């Protein structure tokens, strides 16, 4: 039932402007800075509404990992630098959300990886993170990225990677690493990124939004 409801909401979002749908930032446990990049998701929402004609509410919500009301958000974004912990209650809540049609995008803001991976293994013990090839549709839904995930901030200088978790053939979670899309979505004065870099990050973000809503 939950999956049907969420799927219906996603369809409405891309086909009508009668009522804006809200997306949310995930407040997780563990003491990590889930609140990092406060201007990121609001800026991405505005970009999507302008360029790919979504009808997203520009007031981005915050939802805790244990809150059952997460079901009302078709797209949830998570970021940070430090520790991540999902309690048993959070794991069950997130599992219900993702199995019911929800989508979680996790963007490493530099330093989350070592804490995140064990939690994802607890979330779906039978599933493995799969690195997406450059020709995966998420890289071309609205804007084309022939080389796959773009590099926004250098961090360790490693190549950017996009990993996904799939349930019954549907991508339920996308984890972007060594890219830092969220920094690119932030307002220009925060990191002083060149316009071309910010545009690249926002376009990739729009691809993720569009892919999540259509699949």
Protein backbone atom coordinates (compact mmCIF):
# COMPACT_ATOMS: atom_id res chain seq x y z
CA UNK A 1 0.00 0.00 0.00
CA UNK A 2 2.77 2.48 0.97
CA UNK A 3 4.60 1.75 -2.27
CA UNK A 4 1.46 2.40 -4.29
CA UNK A 5 0.87 5.71 -2.51
CA UNK A 6 4.45 6.91 -3.01
CA UNK A 7 4.44 5.87 -6.66
CA UNK A 8 1.24 7.81 -7.20
CA UNK A 9 2.78 10.89 -5.57
CA UNK A 10 5.82 10.70 -7.85
CA UNK A 11 3.62 10.49 -10.93
CA UNK A 12 1.60 13.51 -9.84
CA UNK A 13 4.78 15.47 -9.18
CA UNK A 14 5.98 15.24 -12.77
CA UNK A 15 2.61 15.63 -14.47
CA UNK A 16 0.90 18.48 -12.65
CA UNK A 17 1.66 21.78 -10.97
CA UNK A 18 -1.56 21.84 -8.90
CA UNK A 19 0.19 21.03 -5.63
CA UNK A 20 3.88 21.22 -4.83
CA UNK A 21 5.50 18.14 -3.32
CA UNK A 22 8.05 18.48 -0.54
CA UNK A 23 11.47 16.82 -0.36
CA UNK A 24 13.46 16.43 2.84
CA UNK A 25 16.88 16.33 4.47
CA UNK A 26 17.51 13.31 6.70
CA UNK A 27 18.43 13.96 10.34
CA UNK A 28 20.28 10.82 11.40
CA UNK A 29 21.77 9.66 14.68
CA UNK A 30 25.43 9.36 15.61
CA UNK A 31 26.47 12.98 16.04
CA UNK A 32 27.45 13.62 12.42
CA UNK A 33 26.64 16.97 10.84
CA UNK A 34 23.48 15.98 8.99
CA UNK A 35 22.71 19.71 8.81
CA UNK A 36 25.73 20.48 6.61
CA UNK A 37 25.19 22.42 3.37
CA UNK A 38 21.95 24.15 4.44
CA UNK A 39 21.45 25.97 1.13
CA UNK A 40 22.09 22.90 -1.03
CA UNK A 41 18.73 21.20 -1.34
CA UNK A 42 16.70 24.45 -1.49
CA UNK A 43 18.92 25.64 -4.36
CA UNK A 44 18.55 22.31 -6.16
CA UNK A 45 14.77 22.45 -5.78
CA UNK A 46 14.67 25.90 -7.37
CA UNK A 47 16.94 24.75 -10.19
CA UNK A 48 14.75 21.71 -10.88
CA UNK A 49 11.55 23.73 -10.90
CA UNK A 50 13.10 26.11 -13.42
CA UNK A 51 14.95 23.71 -15.71
CA UNK A 52 13.14 20.38 -15.65
CA UNK A 53 9.72 21.78 -14.70
CA UNK A 54 9.10 19.91 -11.48
CA UNK A 55 6.59 21.29 -8.99
CA UNK A 56 8.62 20.94 -5.82
CA UNK A 57 7.88 22.93 -2.67
CA UNK A 58 10.78 25.32 -2.16
CA UNK A 59 10.43 24.87 1.61
CA UNK A 60 12.61 21.82 2.20
CA UNK A 61 11.64 19.70 5.19
CA UNK A 62 13.78 17.94 7.80
CA UNK A 63 12.81 14.42 8.83
CA UNK A 64 14.44 12.20 11.44
CA UNK A 65 15.47 8.67 10.54
CA UNK A 66 12.98 7.26 13.05
CA UNK A 67 9.97 9.33 12.00
CA UNK A 68 7.23 7.36 10.16
CA UNK A 69 6.17 10.61 8.43
CA UNK A 70 9.17 10.09 6.13
CA UNK A 71 6.61 8.28 3.96
CA UNK A 72 5.26 11.62 2.78
CA UNK A 73 8.55 12.63 1.15
CA UNK A 74 9.25 10.95 -2.21
CA UNK A 75 12.89 12.09 -2.14
CA UNK A 76 15.14 12.33 0.93
CA UNK A 77 18.69 13.69 0.90
CA UNK A 78 21.42 12.84 3.40
CA UNK A 79 24.89 14.35 3.81
CA UNK A 80 27.62 15.04 6.35
CA UNK A 81 31.28 14.64 7.26
CA UNK A 82 31.25 12.47 10.37
CA UNK A 83 29.62 9.65 12.29
CA UNK A 84 26.42 7.99 11.14
CA UNK A 85 24.37 5.61 13.25
CA UNK A 86 21.02 4.00 12.55
CA UNK A 87 19.25 2.53 15.57
CA UNK A 88 17.06 -0.54 15.14
CA UNK A 89 14.06 1.77 15.02
CA UNK A 90 15.69 3.91 12.34
CA UNK A 91 16.71 0.88 10.30
CA UNK A 92 13.17 -0.47 10.27
CA UNK A 93 11.71 2.92 9.42
CA UNK A 94 14.16 3.53 6.56
CA UNK A 95 13.69 -0.02 5.30
CA UNK A 96 9.92 0.45 5.21
CA UNK A 97 10.33 3.77 3.42
CA UNK A 98 12.65 2.45 0.73
CA UNK A 99 10.72 -0.77 0.20
CA UNK A 100 7.52 1.25 -0.17
CA UNK A 101 8.73 3.43 -3.04
CA UNK A 102 10.87 6.07 -1.36
CA UNK A 103 14.29 7.20 -2.58
CA UNK A 104 17.34 8.16 -0.52
CA UNK A 105 20.26 10.11 -1.98
CA UNK A 106 23.38 10.17 0.17
CA UNK A 107 26.14 12.60 -0.76
CA UNK A 108 29.51 12.32 1.00
CA UNK A 109 30.49 15.79 2.17
CA UNK A 110 33.97 14.34 2.86
CA UNK A 111 34.47 11.90 5.69
CA UNK A 112 31.16 10.04 5.94
CA UNK A 113 32.18 6.94 4.00
CA UNK A 114 33.82 4.86 6.75
CA UNK A 115 30.82 5.37 9.04
CA UNK A 116 28.12 5.02 6.41
CA UNK A 117 28.98 1.71 4.79
CA UNK A 118 28.49 -0.46 7.92
CA UNK A 119 25.10 1.20 8.48
CA UNK A 120 23.99 0.48 4.93
CA UNK A 121 24.99 -3.13 5.44
CA UNK A 122 22.72 -3.24 8.47
CA UNK A 123 19.95 -1.60 6.46
CA UNK A 124 19.98 -4.23 3.70
CA UNK A 125 22.25 -7.13 4.79
CA UNK A 126 21.59 -9.15 1.63
CA UNK A 127 22.32 -6.33 -0.81
CA UNK A 128 25.61 -4.89 -2.03
CA UNK A 129 26.40 -1.37 -3.17
CA UNK A 130 26.82 -1.51 -6.94
CA UNK A 131 28.95 1.07 -8.73
CA UNK A 132 27.02 2.57 -11.61
CA UNK A 133 28.67 2.66 -15.04
CA UNK A 134 28.89 5.94 -16.95
CA UNK A 135 26.13 4.83 -19.31
CA UNK A 136 23.56 4.35 -16.54
CA UNK A 137 20.38 6.39 -17.23
CA UNK A 138 20.83 8.50 -14.08
CA UNK A 139 23.64 10.30 -15.89
CA UNK A 140 21.45 11.32 -18.83
CA UNK A 141 17.84 11.71 -17.65
CA UNK A 142 17.84 15.48 -18.15
CA UNK A 143 21.46 16.48 -18.78
CA UNK A 144 24.13 14.25 -20.27
CA UNK A 145 27.27 13.32 -18.35
CA UNK A 146 29.17 11.03 -20.70
CA UNK A 147 31.85 10.24 -18.12
CA UNK A 148 29.39 9.58 -15.31
CA UNK A 149 29.39 11.37 -11.95
CA UNK A 150 31.16 14.74 -12.19
CA UNK A 151 33.94 15.89 -9.87
CA UNK A 152 32.90 19.02 -7.95
CA UNK A 153 35.41 19.28 -5.07
CA UNK A 154 38.80 17.56 -4.98
CA UNK A 155 38.94 16.11 -1.45
CA UNK A 156 41.34 13.14 -1.77
CA UNK A 157 41.74 13.64 -5.51
CA UNK A 158 40.15 10.26 -6.18
CA UNK A 159 37.73 9.65 -9.01
CA UNK A 160 34.06 10.32 -8.26
CA UNK A 161 31.90 7.23 -7.87
CA UNK A 162 28.17 6.63 -7.74
CA UNK A 163 26.94 3.55 -5.91
CA UNK A 164 23.39 2.23 -5.76
CA UNK A 165 21.30 -0.23 -3.80
CA UNK A 166 18.55 -2.01 -5.71
CA UNK A 167 15.46 -3.79 -4.43
CA UNK A 168 13.50 -5.91 -6.90
CA UNK A 169 15.28 -4.14 -9.74
CA UNK A 170 14.45 -0.62 -8.52
CA UNK A 171 17.13 1.76 -7.33
CA UNK A 172 16.13 2.75 -3.81
CA UNK A 173 19.35 4.45 -2.72
CA UNK A 174 22.07 6.39 -4.52
CA UNK A 175 25.37 7.14 -2.78
CA UNK A 176 27.67 9.69 -4.43
CA UNK A 177 31.31 9.65 -3.27
CA UNK A 178 34.38 11.82 -4.03
CA UNK A 179 32.21 14.30 -5.88
CA UNK A 180 30.52 16.47 -3.23
CA UNK A 181 27.52 17.50 -5.26
CA UNK A 182 26.05 19.19 -2.20
CA UNK A 183 28.88 21.70 -2.01
CA UNK A 184 28.20 22.53 -5.64
CA UNK A 185 24.51 23.09 -4.90
CA UNK A 186 25.32 25.55 -2.13
CA UNK A 187 24.92 29.28 -2.73
CA UNK A 188 27.85 30.71 -4.66
CA UNK A 189 29.28 32.74 -1.79
CA UNK A 190 29.69 29.65 0.43
CA UNK A 191 32.53 27.99 -1.51
CA UNK A 192 33.15 30.53 -4.29
CA UNK A 193 32.91 27.82 -6.92
CA UNK A 194 33.02 29.00 -10.54
CA UNK A 195 29.60 29.19 -12.21
CA UNK A 196 30.46 26.28 -14.50
CA UNK A 197 31.17 24.01 -11.52
CA UNK A 198 27.96 24.96 -9.74
CA UNK A 199 25.97 24.44 -12.93
CA UNK A 200 27.51 20.99 -13.41
CA UNK A 201 26.60 20.00 -9.84
CA UNK A 202 23.05 21.31 -10.15
CA UNK A 203 22.51 19.54 -13.46
CA UNK A 204 23.65 16.25 -11.98
CA UNK A 205 21.35 16.86 -9.03
CA UNK A 206 18.46 17.46 -11.42
CA UNK A 207 19.26 14.16 -13.10
CA UNK A 208 19.02 12.39 -9.75
CA UNK A 209 15.71 14.04 -8.90
CA UNK A 210 14.24 13.22 -12.30
CA UNK A 211 15.47 9.63 -12.22
CA UNK A 212 14.11 9.09 -8.70
CA UNK A 213 10.68 10.43 -9.66
CA UNK A 214 10.40 8.43 -12.86
CA UNK A 215 11.70 5.02 -11.75
